[in-house]
């Protein structure tokens, strides 16, 4: 479902651009905002108490952390904060480029947790574990979008800055 947020969000923001919202007249800017929405959703799971079972929660995220990494609990909070900072960075045109590159690095760093979660069959919200064949392409999609947004950030910034005037 989370990849759909990114894909449909990008299309939705770009549609707003076609209706005159200058901030979204370029695809990379639309993708940056959609990824920000996606990151706010995924980051929220890092802070949700274990008693909440309708969505992934903090305990689910802790189980994803490979056993060779120390302080799983703290790492989950840290990555949640980094996702929220990355989301904020993507929305601000002046910080979009570094945010995109930082998020790309974060997605690479999170890959071992996603592999561990798939191999160890870590369930989310009491449901089935996401299989590896699905997790890896999702991470590649997020990495590709973050890099695309970062590399094209300079081209999208002037349009957005005009829109704010």
Protein backbone atom coordinates (compact mmCIF):
# COMPACT_ATOMS: atom_id res chain seq x y z
CA UNK A 1 0.00 0.00 0.00
CA UNK A 2 2.82 2.43 0.79
CA UNK A 3 4.18 2.37 -2.79
CA UNK A 4 0.68 3.34 -3.94
CA UNK A 5 0.86 6.43 -1.73
CA UNK A 6 4.02 7.44 -3.57
CA UNK A 7 2.70 6.62 -7.05
CA UNK A 8 -0.82 7.99 -6.66
CA UNK A 9 0.45 10.94 -4.63
CA UNK A 10 2.87 11.87 -7.38
CA UNK A 11 0.10 11.69 -9.98
CA UNK A 12 -2.26 13.64 -7.72
CA UNK A 13 0.22 16.43 -7.00
CA UNK A 14 1.14 16.64 -10.68
CA UNK A 15 -2.58 16.86 -11.53
CA UNK A 16 -2.78 19.85 -9.21
CA UNK A 17 0.09 21.32 -11.22
CA UNK A 18 -1.91 20.92 -14.41
CA UNK A 19 -4.72 22.87 -12.74
CA UNK A 20 -2.42 25.79 -12.02
CA UNK A 21 -0.71 25.01 -8.72
CA UNK A 22 2.77 26.16 -9.74
CA UNK A 23 4.55 24.17 -7.04
CA UNK A 24 3.55 20.95 -8.79
CA UNK A 25 4.08 21.86 -12.45
CA UNK A 26 7.12 19.59 -12.66
CA UNK A 27 7.12 15.86 -12.02
CA UNK A 28 10.11 15.84 -9.62
CA UNK A 29 8.44 18.41 -7.35
CA UNK A 30 5.24 16.36 -7.35
CA UNK A 31 7.24 13.22 -6.53
CA UNK A 32 9.10 15.02 -3.74
CA UNK A 33 5.83 16.01 -2.07
CA UNK A 34 4.33 12.54 -2.54
CA UNK A 35 7.43 10.97 -1.01
CA UNK A 36 7.11 13.40 1.90
CA UNK A 37 3.53 12.23 2.49
CA UNK A 38 4.68 8.61 2.26
CA UNK A 39 7.49 9.25 4.74
CA UNK A 40 5.16 10.88 7.27
CA UNK A 41 2.97 7.77 7.08
CA UNK A 42 5.87 5.32 7.40
CA UNK A 43 7.60 7.36 10.11
CA UNK A 44 4.44 7.39 12.21
CA UNK A 45 4.76 3.62 12.71
CA UNK A 46 8.06 4.20 14.51
CA UNK A 47 6.20 6.00 17.31
CA UNK A 48 2.90 4.08 17.52
CA UNK A 49 2.52 2.15 20.79
CA UNK A 50 2.45 -1.67 20.60
CA UNK A 51 -1.18 -1.69 21.79
CA UNK A 52 -2.24 -0.27 18.41
CA UNK A 53 -2.81 -3.18 16.04
CA UNK A 54 -4.56 -1.57 13.07
CA UNK A 55 -1.26 -0.44 11.61
CA UNK A 56 2.43 -1.24 12.01
CA UNK A 57 3.66 -0.09 15.39
CA UNK A 58 6.91 0.49 17.24
CA UNK A 59 7.19 -3.15 18.32
CA UNK A 60 6.82 -4.29 14.69
CA UNK A 61 9.59 -1.93 13.69
CA UNK A 62 11.88 -3.15 16.49
CA UNK A 63 11.41 -6.75 15.32
CA UNK A 64 12.61 -5.67 11.87
CA UNK A 65 16.03 -4.59 13.17
CA UNK A 66 18.63 -7.30 12.46
CA UNK A 67 19.96 -8.90 15.66
CA UNK A 68 23.55 -7.83 14.94
CA UNK A 69 22.61 -4.14 15.39
CA UNK A 70 22.65 -2.74 18.93
CA UNK A 71 19.88 -0.71 20.57
CA UNK A 72 17.04 -1.70 18.25
CA UNK A 73 14.57 0.43 20.18
CA UNK A 74 16.68 3.59 19.82
CA UNK A 75 17.42 2.83 16.15
CA UNK A 76 13.70 2.66 15.40
CA UNK A 77 13.11 6.06 16.99
CA UNK A 78 16.15 7.49 15.21
CA UNK A 79 15.07 6.26 11.79
CA UNK A 80 11.56 7.61 12.41
CA UNK A 81 12.99 11.05 13.18
CA UNK A 82 15.25 10.85 10.10
CA UNK A 83 12.25 9.99 7.91
CA UNK A 84 10.32 12.98 9.28
CA UNK A 85 13.30 15.29 8.72
CA UNK A 86 13.67 13.92 5.21
CA UNK A 87 9.99 14.57 4.53
CA UNK A 88 10.35 18.17 5.67
CA UNK A 89 13.49 18.56 3.58
CA UNK A 90 11.72 17.34 0.45
CA UNK A 91 8.92 19.87 0.79
CA UNK A 92 11.26 22.84 1.08
CA UNK A 93 12.75 23.57 -2.36
CA UNK A 94 16.03 24.90 -0.94
CA UNK A 95 16.71 21.67 0.98
CA UNK A 96 15.27 19.19 -1.52
CA UNK A 97 18.60 18.18 -3.04
CA UNK A 98 20.41 17.31 0.22
CA UNK A 99 17.24 15.73 1.60
CA UNK A 100 16.91 13.52 -1.47
CA UNK A 101 20.51 12.33 -1.21
CA UNK A 102 20.22 11.82 2.55
CA UNK A 103 17.04 9.79 2.08
CA UNK A 104 18.72 7.70 -0.61
CA UNK A 105 21.46 6.88 1.90
CA UNK A 106 18.82 6.11 4.54
CA UNK A 107 16.99 3.75 2.17
CA UNK A 108 20.26 1.90 1.52
CA UNK A 109 20.94 1.74 5.27
CA UNK A 110 17.44 0.37 5.91
CA UNK A 111 17.81 -2.40 3.35
CA UNK A 112 19.27 -4.92 5.86
CA UNK A 113 16.24 -4.38 8.12
CA UNK A 114 13.88 -4.99 5.22
CA UNK A 115 15.77 -8.13 4.20
CA UNK A 116 15.79 -9.38 7.81
CA UNK A 117 12.05 -8.68 8.17
CA UNK A 118 11.27 -10.67 5.03
CA UNK A 119 13.60 -13.59 5.80
CA UNK A 120 12.56 -13.76 9.48
CA UNK A 121 8.86 -13.40 8.49
CA UNK A 122 8.30 -10.36 10.71
CA UNK A 123 4.57 -9.58 10.56
CA UNK A 124 3.14 -6.06 10.53
CA UNK A 125 0.03 -5.21 12.52
CA UNK A 126 -0.52 -8.92 13.17
CA UNK A 127 -0.75 -9.67 9.45
CA UNK A 128 1.50 -11.57 7.12
CA UNK A 129 5.14 -10.64 6.64
CA UNK A 130 5.96 -8.78 3.44
CA UNK A 131 7.91 -11.16 1.17
CA UNK A 132 11.44 -10.32 0.04
CA UNK A 133 10.41 -10.25 -3.64
CA UNK A 134 8.15 -7.31 -2.74
CA UNK A 135 10.38 -5.50 -0.24
CA UNK A 136 13.46 -5.21 -2.46
CA UNK A 137 11.66 -3.61 -5.45
CA UNK A 138 9.89 -1.22 -3.08
CA UNK A 139 13.23 -0.11 -1.62
CA UNK A 140 14.64 0.29 -5.14
CA UNK A 141 11.62 2.44 -6.08
CA UNK A 142 12.10 4.68 -3.03
CA UNK A 143 15.84 4.94 -3.67
CA UNK A 144 15.29 5.79 -7.34
CA UNK A 145 12.69 8.47 -6.58
CA UNK A 146 14.88 10.02 -3.87
CA UNK A 147 17.84 10.19 -6.27
CA UNK A 148 15.68 11.53 -9.13
CA UNK A 149 14.27 14.24 -6.87
CA UNK A 150 17.75 15.15 -5.61
CA UNK A 151 19.33 15.29 -9.06
CA UNK A 152 16.56 17.45 -10.49
CA UNK A 153 16.07 19.67 -7.44
CA UNK A 154 17.78 22.69 -8.92
CA UNK A 155 15.52 22.64 -11.98
CA UNK A 156 12.36 22.63 -9.84
CA UNK A 157 13.36 25.19 -7.21
CA UNK A 158 12.88 28.45 -9.21
CA UNK A 159 9.30 27.58 -10.20
CA UNK A 160 8.38 26.93 -6.60
CA UNK A 161 10.08 30.06 -5.30
CA UNK A 162 8.09 32.17 -7.79
CA UNK A 163 4.90 30.52 -6.58
CA UNK A 164 5.61 31.61 -3.01
CA UNK A 165 5.94 35.29 -3.95
